Amino acid sequence: QVQLVESGGGAVQAGGSLRLSCAASGFIFSSRAMSWYRQAPGKERELVAFIGRAGAITNYADSVKGRFTISRDNAKNMVSLQMNSLEPEDTAVYYCYVYTLDAWGQGTLVTVSS
C-alpha cells in the first residue's frame, strides 16, 4: 500500500534551518508529482511547495519563496524540503502529499521560536 513517512522536524530558533524528508513506497514514485503541505495550530492545511515528476517544475507558496527549496531523488523514492531563514510563522505540522493518489503522510512537527 502507499506509504509516506516524513522525518526531520524539530525545534529551531528563528533564522535557523531544517531539512524535511519524505520516504515514499507502494507506488511508482517517479511517475507522481509530490507536494509538501503544512497545518499551523488553528489554521487550515496549506500548500507549501510542489515538484513535478522529474523535478524540473517547482512551485512555492508566496510565504516561503526564496527560503524553502523542494527537491526529489527518484532513485531513492525521496522528496525533501530544505527550509532556511525559518520564522515563527513557519511553525506547523508538515505533511508529504501525493495529489493523484490522495495520499498523506503522518506529518512532522516544526517549531520555530523567536
PDB file of N, CA and C in Angstrom:
ATOM      1  N   GLN A   1       0.847  -1.181   0.000  1.00  0.00           N
ATOM      2  CA  GLN A   1       0.000   0.000   0.000  1.00  0.00           C
ATOM      3  C   GLN A   1       0.895   1.247   0.000  1.00  0.00           C
ATOM      4  N   VAL A   2       0.273   2.368  -0.324  1.00  0.00           N
ATOM      5  CA  VAL A   2       1.006   3.628  -0.375  1.00  0.00           C
ATOM      6  C   VAL A   2       1.422   4.038   1.033  1.00  0.00           C
ATOM      7  N   GLN A   3       2.693   4.370   1.175  1.00  0.00           N
ATOM      8  CA  GLN A   3       3.196   4.877   2.450  1.00  0.00           C
ATOM      9  C   GLN A   3       4.065   6.100   2.212  1.00  0.00           C
ATOM     10  N   LEU A   4       3.861   7.097   3.042  1.00  0.00           N
ATOM     11  CA  LEU A   4       4.664   8.315   3.030  1.00  0.00           C
ATOM     12  C   LEU A   4       5.103   8.557   4.465  1.00  0.00           C
ATOM     13  N   VAL A   5       6.404   8.610   4.691  1.00  0.00           N
ATOM     14  CA  VAL A   5       6.929   8.759   6.037  1.00  0.00           C
ATOM     15  C   VAL A   5       7.841   9.980   6.092  1.00  0.00           C
ATOM     16  N   GLU A   6       7.358  10.999   6.802  1.00  0.00           N
ATOM     17  CA  GLU A   6       8.138  12.230   6.951  1.00  0.00           C
ATOM     18  C   GLU A   6       9.105  12.131   8.122  1.00  0.00           C
ATOM     19  N   SER A   7      10.196  12.864   8.008  1.00  0.00           N
ATOM     20  CA  SER A   7      11.169  12.968   9.103  1.00  0.00           C
ATOM     21  C   SER A   7      11.885  14.299   8.993  1.00  0.00           C
ATOM     22  N   GLY A   8      12.601  14.654  10.049  1.00  0.00           N
ATOM     23  CA  GLY A   8      13.421  15.850  10.024  1.00  0.00           C
ATOM     24  C   GLY A   8      12.864  17.043  10.764  1.00  0.00           C
ATOM     25  N   GLY A   9      11.648  16.930  11.276  1.00  0.00           N
ATOM     26  CA  GLY A   9      11.098  18.036  12.035  1.00  0.00           C
ATOM     27  C   GLY A   9      11.819  18.223  13.361  1.00  0.00           C
ATOM     28  N   GLY A  10      11.513  19.329  14.015  1.00  0.00           N
ATOM     29  CA  GLY A  10      12.119  19.602  15.310  1.00  0.00           C
ATOM     30  C   GLY A  10      11.919  21.030  15.716  1.00  0.00           C
ATOM     31  N   ALA A  11      12.630  21.425  16.754  1.00  0.00           N
ATOM     32  CA  ALA A  11      12.553  22.787  17.273  1.00  0.00           C
ATOM     33  C   ALA A  11      13.796  23.555  16.877  1.00  0.00           C
ATOM     34  N   VAL A  12      13.600  24.775  16.422  1.00  0.00           N
ATOM     35  CA  VAL A  12      14.716  25.601  15.970  1.00  0.00           C
ATOM     36  C   VAL A  12      14.399  27.053  16.271  1.00  0.00           C
ATOM     37  N   GLN A  13      15.422  27.851  16.417  1.00  0.00           N
ATOM     38  CA  GLN A  13      15.219  29.290  16.637  1.00  0.00           C
ATOM     39  C   GLN A  13      15.018  29.997  15.297  1.00  0.00           C
ATOM     40  N   ALA A  14      14.372  31.127  15.364  1.00  0.00           N
ATOM     41  CA  ALA A  14      14.153  31.934  14.164  1.00  0.00           C
ATOM     42  C   ALA A  14      15.495  32.209  13.479  1.00  0.00           C
ATOM     43  N   GLY A  15      15.463  32.104  12.154  1.00  0.00           N
ATOM     44  CA  GLY A  15      16.683  32.270  11.381  1.00  0.00           C
ATOM     45  C   GLY A  15      17.411  30.972  11.095  1.00  0.00           C
ATOM     46  N   GLY A  16      17.005  29.923  11.763  1.00  0.00           N
ATOM     47  CA  GLY A  16      17.650  28.636  11.586  1.00  0.00           C
ATOM     48  C   GLY A  16      17.130  27.871  10.383  1.00  0.00           C
ATOM     49  N   SER A  17      17.634  26.653  10.241  1.00  0.00           N
ATOM     50  CA  SER A  17      17.292  25.820   9.091  1.00  0.00           C
ATOM     51  C   SER A  17      16.924  24.415   9.540  1.00  0.00           C
ATOM     52  N   LEU A  18      16.079  23.785   8.733  1.00  0.00           N
ATOM     53  CA  LEU A  18      15.749  22.380   8.903  1.00  0.00           C
ATOM     54  C   LEU A  18      15.583  21.770   7.517  1.00  0.00           C
ATOM     55  N   ARG A  19      15.815  20.485   7.448  1.00  0.00           N
ATOM     56  CA  ARG A  19      15.572  19.760   6.201  1.00  0.00           C
ATOM     57  C   ARG A  19      14.617  18.612   6.485  1.00  0.00           C
ATOM     58  N   LEU A  20      13.468  18.654   5.846  1.00  0.00           N
ATOM     59  CA  LEU A  20      12.478  17.593   5.977  1.00  0.00           C
ATOM     60  C   LEU A  20      12.652  16.602   4.838  1.00  0.00           C
ATOM     61  N   SER A  21      12.393  15.352   5.148  1.00  0.00           N
ATOM     62  CA  SER A  21      12.435  14.304   4.127  1.00  0.00           C
ATOM     63  C   SER A  21      11.156  13.491   4.181  1.00  0.00           C
ATOM     64  N   CYS A  22      10.800  12.941   3.036  1.00  0.00           N
ATOM     65  CA  CYS A  22       9.614  12.080   2.937  1.00  0.00           C
ATOM     66  C   CYS A  22      10.021  10.839   2.141  1.00  0.00           C
ATOM     67  N   ALA A  23       9.956   9.694   2.786  1.00  0.00           N
ATOM     68  CA  ALA A  23      10.257   8.425   2.125  1.00  0.00           C
ATOM     69  C   ALA A  23       8.961   7.818   1.617  1.00  0.00           C
ATOM     70  N   ALA A  24       8.920   7.535   0.328  1.00  0.00           N
ATOM     71  CA  ALA A  24       7.691   7.038  -0.303  1.00  0.00           C
ATOM     72  C   ALA A  24       7.838   5.581  -0.702  1.00  0.00           C
ATOM     73  N   SER A  25       6.747   4.849  -0.618  1.00  0.00           N
ATOM     74  CA  SER A  25       6.729   3.456  -1.062  1.00  0.00           C
ATOM     75  C   SER A  25       5.317   3.068  -1.458  1.00  0.00           C
ATOM     76  N   GLY A  26       5.202   1.963  -2.188  1.00  0.00           N
ATOM     77  CA  GLY A  26       3.892   1.443  -2.559  1.00  0.00           C
ATOM     78  C   GLY A  26       3.347   1.967  -3.866  1.00  0.00           C
ATOM     79  N   PHE A  27       4.119   2.788  -4.566  1.00  0.00           N
ATOM     80  CA  PHE A  27       3.713   3.290  -5.872  1.00  0.00           C
ATOM     81  C   PHE A  27       4.972   3.658  -6.661  1.00  0.00           C
ATOM     82  N   ILE A  28       4.773   3.912  -7.954  1.00  0.00           N
ATOM     83  CA  ILE A  28       5.922   4.272  -8.797  1.00  0.00           C
ATOM     84  C   ILE A  28       6.219   5.743  -8.565  1.00  0.00           C
ATOM     85  N   PHE A  29       7.187   6.004  -7.712  1.00  0.00           N
ATOM     86  CA  PHE A  29       7.466   7.353  -7.234  1.00  0.00           C
ATOM     87  C   PHE A  29       7.747   8.315  -8.371  1.00  0.00           C
ATOM     88  N   SER A  30       8.524   7.887  -9.343  1.00  0.00           N
ATOM     89  CA  SER A  30       8.946   8.787 -10.420  1.00  0.00           C
ATOM     90  C   SER A  30       7.793   9.206 -11.331  1.00  0.00           C
ATOM     91  N   SER A  31       6.651   8.559 -11.212  1.00  0.00           N
ATOM     92  CA  SER A  31       5.504   8.886 -12.059  1.00  0.00           C
ATOM     93  C   SER A  31       4.529   9.838 -11.398  1.00  0.00           C
ATOM     94  N   ARG A  32       4.843  10.301 -10.199  1.00  0.00           N
ATOM     95  CA  ARG A  32       3.912  11.157  -9.435  1.00  0.00           C
ATOM     96  C   ARG A  32       4.556  12.465  -9.023  1.00  0.00           C
ATOM     97  N   ALA A  33       3.821  13.546  -9.246  1.00  0.00           N
ATOM     98  CA  ALA A  33       4.234  14.813  -8.667  1.00  0.00           C
ATOM     99  C   ALA A  33       4.045  14.732  -7.149  1.00  0.00           C
ATOM    100  N   MET A  34       4.839  15.496  -6.422  1.00  0.00           N
ATOM    101  CA  MET A  34       4.806  15.454  -4.966  1.00  0.00           C
ATOM    102  C   MET A  34       4.643  16.863  -4.400  1.00  0.00           C
ATOM    103  N   SER A  35       4.085  16.929  -3.218  1.00  0.00           N
ATOM    104  CA  SER A  35       3.862  18.222  -2.583  1.00  0.00           C
ATOM    105  C   SER A  35       4.188  18.137  -1.102  1.00  0.00           C
ATOM    106  N   TRP A  36       4.467  19.296  -0.545  1.00  0.00           N
ATOM    107  CA  TRP A  36       4.533  19.474   0.907  1.00  0.00           C
ATOM    108  C   TRP A  36       3.416  20.442   1.297  1.00  0.00           C
ATOM    109  N   TYR A  37       2.689  20.077   2.317  1.00  0.00           N
ATOM    110  CA  TYR A  37       1.671  20.931   2.919  1.00  0.00           C
ATOM    111  C   TYR A  37       2.054  21.172   4.376  1.00  0.00           C
ATOM    112  N   ARG A  38       1.413  22.157   4.972  1.00  0.00           N
ATOM    113  CA  ARG A  38       1.590  22.365   6.408  1.00  0.00           C
ATOM    114  C   ARG A  38       0.285  22.823   7.024  1.00  0.00           C
ATOM    115  N   GLN A  39       0.166  22.549   8.312  1.00  0.00           N
ATOM    116  CA  GLN A  39      -1.008  22.990   9.060  1.00  0.00           C
ATOM    117  C   GLN A  39      -0.559  23.551  10.392  1.00  0.00           C
ATOM    118  N   ALA A  40      -0.769  24.848  10.546  1.00  0.00           N
ATOM    119  CA  ALA A  40      -0.441  25.519  11.797  1.00  0.00           C
ATOM    120  C   ALA A  40      -1.616  25.384  12.763  1.00  0.00           C
ATOM    121  N   PRO A  41      -1.351  25.518  14.064  1.00  0.00           N
ATOM    122  CA  PRO A  41      -2.433  25.396  15.052  1.00  0.00           C
ATOM    123  C   PRO A  41      -3.573  26.374  14.756  1.00  0.00           C
ATOM    124  N   GLY A  42      -4.782  25.850  14.673  1.00  0.00           N
ATOM    125  CA  GLY A  42      -5.946  26.686  14.451  1.00  0.00           C
ATOM    126  C   GLY A  42      -6.137  27.170  13.033  1.00  0.00           C
ATOM    127  N   LYS A  43      -5.320  26.687  12.130  1.00  0.00           N
ATOM    128  CA  LYS A  43      -5.406  27.130  10.736  1.00  0.00           C
ATOM    129  C   LYS A  43      -5.656  25.943   9.807  1.00  0.00           C
ATOM    130  N   GLU A  44      -6.090  26.269   8.594  1.00  0.00           N
ATOM    131  CA  GLU A  44      -6.306  25.228   7.596  1.00  0.00           C
ATOM    132  C   GLU A  44      -4.973  24.755   7.017  1.00  0.00           C
ATOM    133  N   ARG A  45      -4.996  23.529   6.509  1.00  0.00           N
ATOM    134  CA  ARG A  45      -3.815  22.999   5.848  1.00  0.00           C
ATOM    135  C   ARG A  45      -3.570  23.784   4.557  1.00  0.00           C
ATOM    136  N   GLU A  46      -2.307  24.118   4.291  1.00  0.00           N
ATOM    137  CA  GLU A  46      -1.984  24.905   3.118  1.00  0.00           C
ATOM    138  C   GLU A  46      -0.823  24.295   2.339  1.00  0.00           C
ATOM    139  N   LEU A  47      -0.856  24.514   1.028  1.00  0.00           N
ATOM    140  CA  LEU A  47       0.221  24.036   0.169  1.00  0.00           C
ATOM    141  C   LEU A  47       1.469  24.885   0.395  1.00  0.00           C
ATOM    142  N   VAL A  48       2.596  24.223   0.589  1.00  0.00           N
ATOM    143  CA  VAL A  48       3.866  24.903   0.784  1.00  0.00           C
ATOM    144  C   VAL A  48       4.702  24.853  -0.496  1.00  0.00           C
ATOM    145  N   ALA A  49       4.827  23.660  -1.083  1.00  0.00           N
ATOM    146  CA  ALA A  49       5.687  23.504  -2.256  1.00  0.00           C
ATOM    147  C   ALA A  49       5.243  22.297  -3.056  1.00  0.00           C
ATOM    148  N   PHE A  50       5.525  22.371  -4.345  1.00  0.00           N
ATOM    149  CA  PHE A  50       5.141  21.325  -5.307  1.00  0.00           C
ATOM    150  C   PHE A  50       6.352  21.035  -6.191  1.00  0.00           C
ATOM    151  N   ILE A  51       6.487  19.766  -6.566  1.00  0.00           N
ATOM    152  CA  ILE A  51       7.550  19.411  -7.504  1.00  0.00           C
ATOM    153  C   ILE A  51       7.004  18.399  -8.503  1.00  0.00           C
ATOM    154  N   GLY A  52       7.322  18.620  -9.776  1.00  0.00           N
ATOM    155  CA  GLY A  52       6.874  17.719 -10.815  1.00  0.00           C
ATOM    156  C   GLY A  52       7.605  16.388 -10.772  1.00  0.00           C
ATOM    157  N   ARG A  53       7.177  15.488 -11.654  1.00  0.00           N
ATOM    158  CA  ARG A  53       7.677  14.120 -11.619  1.00  0.00           C
ATOM    159  C   ARG A  53       9.183  14.028 -11.805  1.00  0.00           C
ATOM    160  N   ALA A  54       9.726  14.838 -12.683  1.00  0.00           N
ATOM    161  CA  ALA A  54      11.161  14.771 -12.968  1.00  0.00           C
ATOM    162  C   ALA A  54      11.960  15.771 -12.149  1.00  0.00           C
ATOM    163  N   GLY A  55      11.255  16.623 -11.433  1.00  0.00           N
ATOM    164  CA  GLY A  55      11.929  17.611 -10.602  1.00  0.00           C
ATOM    165  C   GLY A  55      12.216  18.931 -11.292  1.00  0.00           C
ATOM    166  N   ALA A  56      11.865  19.029 -12.564  1.00  0.00           N
ATOM    167  CA  ALA A  56      12.176  20.255 -13.304  1.00  0.00           C
ATOM    168  C   ALA A  56      11.208  21.381 -12.980  1.00  0.00           C
ATOM    169  N   ILE A  57      10.007  21.035 -12.577  1.00  0.00           N
ATOM    170  CA  ILE A  57       8.978  22.036 -12.270  1.00  0.00           C
ATOM    171  C   ILE A  57       8.779  22.086 -10.765  1.00  0.00           C
ATOM    172  N   THR A  58       8.880  23.293 -10.224  1.00  0.00           N
ATOM    173  CA  THR A  58       8.609  23.505  -8.810  1.00  0.00           C
ATOM    174  C   THR A  58       7.736  24.745  -8.651  1.00  0.00           C
ATOM    175  N   ASN A  59       7.027  24.779  -7.541  1.00  0.00           N
ATOM    176  CA  ASN A  59       6.179  25.934  -7.241  1.00  0.00           C
ATOM    177  C   ASN A  59       6.109  26.071  -5.728  1.00  0.00           C
ATOM    178  N   TYR A  60       5.987  27.313  -5.277  1.00  0.00           N
ATOM    179  CA  TYR A  60       6.031  27.588  -3.845  1.00  0.00           C
ATOM    180  C   TYR A  60       4.932  28.552  -3.433  1.00  0.00           C
ATOM    181  N   ALA A  61       4.512  28.423  -2.207  1.00  0.00           N
ATOM    182  CA  ALA A  61       3.645  29.436  -1.618  1.00  0.00           C
ATOM    183  C   ALA A  61       4.441  30.732  -1.502  1.00  0.00           C
ATOM    184  N   ASP A  62       3.761  31.849  -1.672  1.00  0.00           N
ATOM    185  CA  ASP A  62       4.448  33.143  -1.605  1.00  0.00           C
ATOM    186  C   ASP A  62       5.183  33.325  -0.285  1.00  0.00           C
ATOM    187  N   SER A  63       4.626  32.785   0.772  1.00  0.00           N
ATOM    188  CA  SER A  63       5.194  32.994   2.107  1.00  0.00           C
ATOM    189  C   SER A  63       6.539  32.290   2.295  1.00  0.00           C
ATOM    190  N   VAL A  64       6.874  31.332   1.433  1.00  0.00           N
ATOM    191  CA  VAL A  64       8.130  30.596   1.614  1.00  0.00           C
ATOM    192  C   VAL A  64       9.094  30.781   0.446  1.00  0.00           C
ATOM    193  N   LYS A  65       8.682  31.480  -0.586  1.00  0.00           N
ATOM    194  CA  LYS A  65       9.553  31.678  -1.755  1.00  0.00           C
ATOM    195  C   LYS A  65      10.869  32.326  -1.346  1.00  0.00           C
ATOM    196  N   GLY A  66      11.950  31.775  -1.853  1.00  0.00           N
ATOM    197  CA  GLY A  66      13.267  32.300  -1.551  1.00  0.00           C
ATOM    198  C   GLY A  66      13.867  31.757  -0.264  1.00  0.00           C
ATOM    199  N   ARG A  67      13.050  31.052   0.532  1.00  0.00           N
ATOM    200  CA  ARG A  67      13.550  30.484   1.794  1.00  0.00           C
ATOM    201  C   ARG A  67      13.520  28.952   1.780  1.00  0.00           C
ATOM    202  N   PHE A  68      12.528  28.384   1.118  1.00  0.00           N
ATOM    203  CA  PHE A  68      12.365  26.931   1.084  1.00  0.00           C
ATOM    204  C   PHE A  68      12.709  26.420  -0.310  1.00  0.00           C
ATOM    205  N   THR A  69      13.252  25.206  -0.349  1.00  0.00           N
ATOM    206  CA  THR A  69      13.556  24.542  -1.623  1.00  0.00           C
ATOM    207  C   THR A  69      13.081  23.098  -1.572  1.00  0.00           C
ATOM    208  N   ILE A  70      12.252  22.739  -2.530  1.00  0.00           N
ATOM    209  CA  ILE A  70      11.793  21.352  -2.635  1.00  0.00           C
ATOM    210  C   ILE A  70      12.662  20.633  -3.660  1.00  0.00           C
ATOM    211  N   SER A  71      12.962  19.372  -3.370  1.00  0.00           N
ATOM    212  CA  SER A  71      13.751  18.569  -4.302  1.00  0.00           C
ATOM    213  C   SER A  71      13.318  17.112  -4.180  1.00  0.00           C
ATOM    214  N   ARG A  72      13.732  16.312  -5.131  1.00  0.00           N
ATOM    215  CA  ARG A  72      13.383  14.891  -5.085  1.00  0.00           C
ATOM    216  C   ARG A  72      14.530  14.056  -5.631  1.00  0.00           C
ATOM    217  N   ASP A  73      14.583  12.825  -5.155  1.00  0.00           N
ATOM    218  CA  ASP A  73      15.555  11.848  -5.633  1.00  0.00           C
ATOM    219  C   ASP A  73      14.753  10.615  -6.053  1.00  0.00           C
ATOM    220  N   ASN A  74      14.524  10.481  -7.343  1.00  0.00           N
ATOM    221  CA  ASN A  74      13.679   9.382  -7.828  1.00  0.00           C
ATOM    222  C   ASN A  74      14.352   8.020  -7.669  1.00  0.00           C
ATOM    223  N   ALA A  75      15.668   8.013  -7.556  1.00  0.00           N
ATOM    224  CA  ALA A  75      16.370   6.743  -7.338  1.00  0.00           C
ATOM    225  C   ALA A  75      16.150   6.240  -5.916  1.00  0.00           C
ATOM    226  N   LYS A  76      15.913   7.166  -4.994  1.00  0.00           N
ATOM    227  CA  LYS A  76      15.737   6.795  -3.583  1.00  0.00           C
ATOM    228  C   LYS A  76      14.295   6.912  -3.119  1.00  0.00           C
ATOM    229  N   ASN A  77      13.396   7.301  -4.032  1.00  0.00           N
ATOM    230  CA  ASN A  77      11.983   7.493  -3.662  1.00  0.00           C
ATOM    231  C   ASN A  77      11.835   8.467  -2.502  1.00  0.00           C
ATOM    232  N   MET A  78      12.522   9.589  -2.599  1.00  0.00           N
ATOM    233  CA  MET A  78      12.524  10.573  -1.523  1.00  0.00           C
ATOM    234  C   MET A  78      12.206  11.959  -2.089  1.00  0.00           C
ATOM    235  N   VAL A  79      11.456  12.705  -1.311  1.00  0.00           N
ATOM    236  CA  VAL A  79      11.262  14.122  -1.589  1.00  0.00           C
ATOM    237  C   VAL A  79      11.650  14.882  -0.330  1.00  0.00           C
ATOM    238  N   SER A  80      12.315  16.014  -0.525  1.00  0.00           N
ATOM    239  CA  SER A  80      12.839  16.774   0.596  1.00  0.00           C
ATOM    240  C   SER A  80      12.375  18.224   0.539  1.00  0.00           C
ATOM    241  N   LEU A  81      12.436  18.868   1.679  1.00  0.00           N
ATOM    242  CA  LEU A  81      12.123  20.282   1.772  1.00  0.00           C
ATOM    243  C   LEU A  81      13.192  20.939   2.637  1.00  0.00           C
ATOM    244  N   GLN A  82      14.060  21.713   2.001  1.00  0.00           N
ATOM    245  CA  GLN A  82      15.086  22.467   2.720  1.00  0.00           C
ATOM    246  C   GLN A  82      14.468  23.798   3.139  1.00  0.00           C
ATOM    247  N   MET A  83      14.481  24.056   4.428  1.00  0.00           N
ATOM    248  CA  MET A  83      13.851  25.262   4.963  1.00  0.00           C
ATOM    249  C   MET A  83      14.907  26.122   5.623  1.00  0.00           C
ATOM    250  N   ASN A  84      15.140  27.293   5.070  1.00  0.00           N
ATOM    251  CA  ASN A  84      16.112  28.231   5.606  1.00  0.00           C
ATOM    252  C   ASN A  84      15.408  29.489   6.103  1.00  0.00           C
ATOM    253  N   SER A  85      16.129  30.262   6.880  1.00  0.00           N
ATOM    254  CA  SER A  85      15.598  31.526   7.416  1.00  0.00           C
ATOM    255  C   SER A  85      14.212  31.311   8.026  1.00  0.00           C
ATOM    256  N   LEU A  86      14.106  30.316   8.850  1.00  0.00           N
ATOM    257  CA  LEU A  86      12.802  29.978   9.433  1.00  0.00           C
ATOM    258  C   LEU A  86      12.280  31.090  10.325  1.00  0.00           C
ATOM    259  N   GLU A  87      10.969  31.234  10.299  1.00  0.00           N
ATOM    260  CA  GLU A  87      10.277  32.267  11.075  1.00  0.00           C
ATOM    261  C   GLU A  87       9.272  31.579  12.007  1.00  0.00           C
ATOM    262  N   PRO A  88       8.902  32.240  13.085  1.00  0.00           N
ATOM    263  CA  PRO A  88       7.893  31.640  13.977  1.00  0.00           C
ATOM    264  C   PRO A  88       6.607  31.268  13.240  1.00  0.00           C
ATOM    265  N   GLU A  89       6.281  32.019  12.196  1.00  0.00           N
ATOM    266  CA  GLU A  89       5.071  31.744  11.414  1.00  0.00           C
ATOM    267  C   GLU A  89       5.173  30.438  10.628  1.00  0.00           C
ATOM    268  N   ASP A  90       6.350  29.861  10.543  1.00  0.00           N
ATOM    269  CA  ASP A  90       6.523  28.566   9.869  1.00  0.00           C
ATOM    270  C   ASP A  90       6.192  27.398  10.785  1.00  0.00           C
ATOM    271  N   THR A  91       5.925  27.677  12.042  1.00  0.00           N
ATOM    272  CA  THR A  91       5.572  26.611  12.981  1.00  0.00           C
ATOM    273  C   THR A  91       4.307  25.896  12.519  1.00  0.00           C
ATOM    274  N   ALA A  92       4.404  24.593  12.346  1.00  0.00           N
ATOM    275  CA  ALA A  92       3.284  23.814  11.816  1.00  0.00           C
ATOM    276  C   ALA A  92       3.673  22.339  11.774  1.00  0.00           C
ATOM    277  N   VAL A  93       2.672  21.519  11.524  1.00  0.00           N
ATOM    278  CA  VAL A  93       2.938  20.127  11.153  1.00  0.00           C
ATOM    279  C   VAL A  93       3.053  20.093   9.634  1.00  0.00           C
ATOM    280  N   TYR A  94       4.126  19.509   9.142  1.00  0.00           N
ATOM    281  CA  TYR A  94       4.395  19.456   7.711  1.00  0.00           C
ATOM    282  C   TYR A  94       4.093  18.044   7.194  1.00  0.00           C
ATOM    283  N   TYR A  95       3.373  18.011   6.077  1.00  0.00           N
ATOM    284  CA  TYR A  95       2.916  16.752   5.504  1.00  0.00           C
ATOM    285  C   TYR A  95       3.406  16.586   4.071  1.00  0.00           C
ATOM    286  N   CYS A  96       3.727  15.381   3.745  1.00  0.00           N
ATOM    287  CA  CYS A  96       4.029  14.978   2.378  1.00  0.00           C
ATOM    288  C   CYS A  96       2.716  14.523   1.737  1.00  0.00           C
ATOM    289  N   TYR A  97       2.504  14.845   0.448  1.00  0.00           N
ATOM    290  CA  TYR A  97       1.206  14.550  -0.172  1.00  0.00           C
ATOM    291  C   TYR A  97       1.381  14.199  -1.633  1.00  0.00           C
ATOM    292  N   VAL A  98       0.630  13.190  -2.061  1.00  0.00           N
ATOM    293  CA  VAL A  98       0.562  12.818  -3.467  1.00  0.00           C
ATOM    294  C   VAL A  98      -0.860  13.102  -3.947  1.00  0.00           C
ATOM    295  N   TYR A  99      -1.030  14.146  -4.730  1.00  0.00           N
ATOM    296  CA  TYR A  99      -2.368  14.577  -5.147  1.00  0.00           C
ATOM    297  C   TYR A  99      -3.104  13.507  -5.939  1.00  0.00           C
ATOM    298  N   THR A 100      -2.419  12.872  -6.866  1.00  0.00           N
ATOM    299  CA  THR A 100      -3.096  11.934  -7.757  1.00  0.00           C
ATOM    300  C   THR A 100      -3.481  10.630  -7.058  1.00  0.00           C
ATOM    301  N   LEU A 101      -2.965  10.417  -5.850  1.00  0.00           N
ATOM    302  CA  LEU A 101      -3.337   9.249  -5.052  1.00  0.00           C
ATOM    303  C   LEU A 101      -4.124   9.658  -3.810  1.00  0.00           C
ATOM    304  N   ASP A 102      -4.233  10.961  -3.584  1.00  0.00           N
ATOM    305  CA  ASP A 102      -4.833  11.494  -2.362  1.00  0.00           C
ATOM    306  C   ASP A 102      -4.253  10.796  -1.137  1.00  0.00           C
ATOM    307  N   ALA A 103      -2.929  10.761  -1.088  1.00  0.00           N
ATOM    308  CA  ALA A 103      -2.228  10.062  -0.007  1.00  0.00           C
ATOM    309  C   ALA A 103      -1.423  11.055   0.815  1.00  0.00           C
ATOM    310  N   TRP A 104      -1.552  10.955   2.127  1.00  0.00           N
ATOM    311  CA  TRP A 104      -0.868  11.834   3.078  1.00  0.00           C
ATOM    312  C   TRP A 104       0.074  11.028   3.954  1.00  0.00           C
ATOM    313  N   GLY A 105       1.159  11.677   4.359  1.00  0.00           N
ATOM    314  CA  GLY A 105       1.986  11.109   5.400  1.00  0.00           C
ATOM    315  C   GLY A 105       1.408  11.446   6.761  1.00  0.00           C
ATOM    316  N   GLN A 106       2.103  11.016   7.813  1.00  0.00           N
ATOM    317  CA  GLN A 106       1.598  11.256   9.176  1.00  0.00           C
ATOM    318  C   GLN A 106       1.971  12.628   9.702  1.00  0.00           C
ATOM    319  N   GLY A 107       2.898  13.288   9.023  1.00  0.00           N
ATOM    320  CA  GLY A 107       3.295  14.630   9.402  1.00  0.00           C
ATOM    321  C   GLY A 107       4.500  14.658  10.320  1.00  0.00           C
ATOM    322  N   THR A 108       5.211  15.765  10.277  1.00  0.00           N
ATOM    323  CA  THR A 108       6.338  16.004  11.176  1.00  0.00           C
ATOM    324  C   THR A 108       6.252  17.436  11.670  1.00  0.00           C
ATOM    325  N   LEU A 109       6.441  17.628  12.970  1.00  0.00           N
ATOM    326  CA  LEU A 109       6.229  18.919  13.599  1.00  0.00           C
ATOM    327  C   LEU A 109       7.485  19.783  13.515  1.00  0.00           C
ATOM    328  N   VAL A 110       7.287  21.007  13.074  1.00  0.00           N
ATOM    329  CA  VAL A 110       8.341  22.018  13.050  1.00  0.00           C
ATOM    330  C   VAL A 110       7.923  23.151  13.977  1.00  0.00           C
ATOM    331  N   THR A 111       8.780  23.482  14.921  1.00  0.00           N
ATOM    332  CA  THR A 111       8.505  24.553  15.866  1.00  0.00           C
ATOM    333  C   THR A 111       9.629  25.565  15.784  1.00  0.00           C
ATOM    334  N   VAL A 112       9.273  26.807  15.483  1.00  0.00           N
ATOM    335  CA  VAL A 112      10.261  27.873  15.354  1.00  0.00           C
ATOM    336  C   VAL A 112      10.000  28.896  16.454  1.00  0.00           C
ATOM    337  N   SER A 113      10.991  29.115  17.286  1.00  0.00           N
ATOM    338  CA  SER A 113      10.852  30.067  18.387  1.00  0.00           C
ATOM    339  C   SER A 113      11.535  31.382  18.043  1.00  0.00           C
ATOM    340  N   SER A 114      10.985  32.441  18.601  1.00  0.00           N
ATOM    341  CA  SER A 114      11.533  33.772  18.305  1.00  0.00           C
ATOM    342  C   SER A 114      12.638  34.140  19.275  1.00  0.00           C
TER     343      SER A 114
END
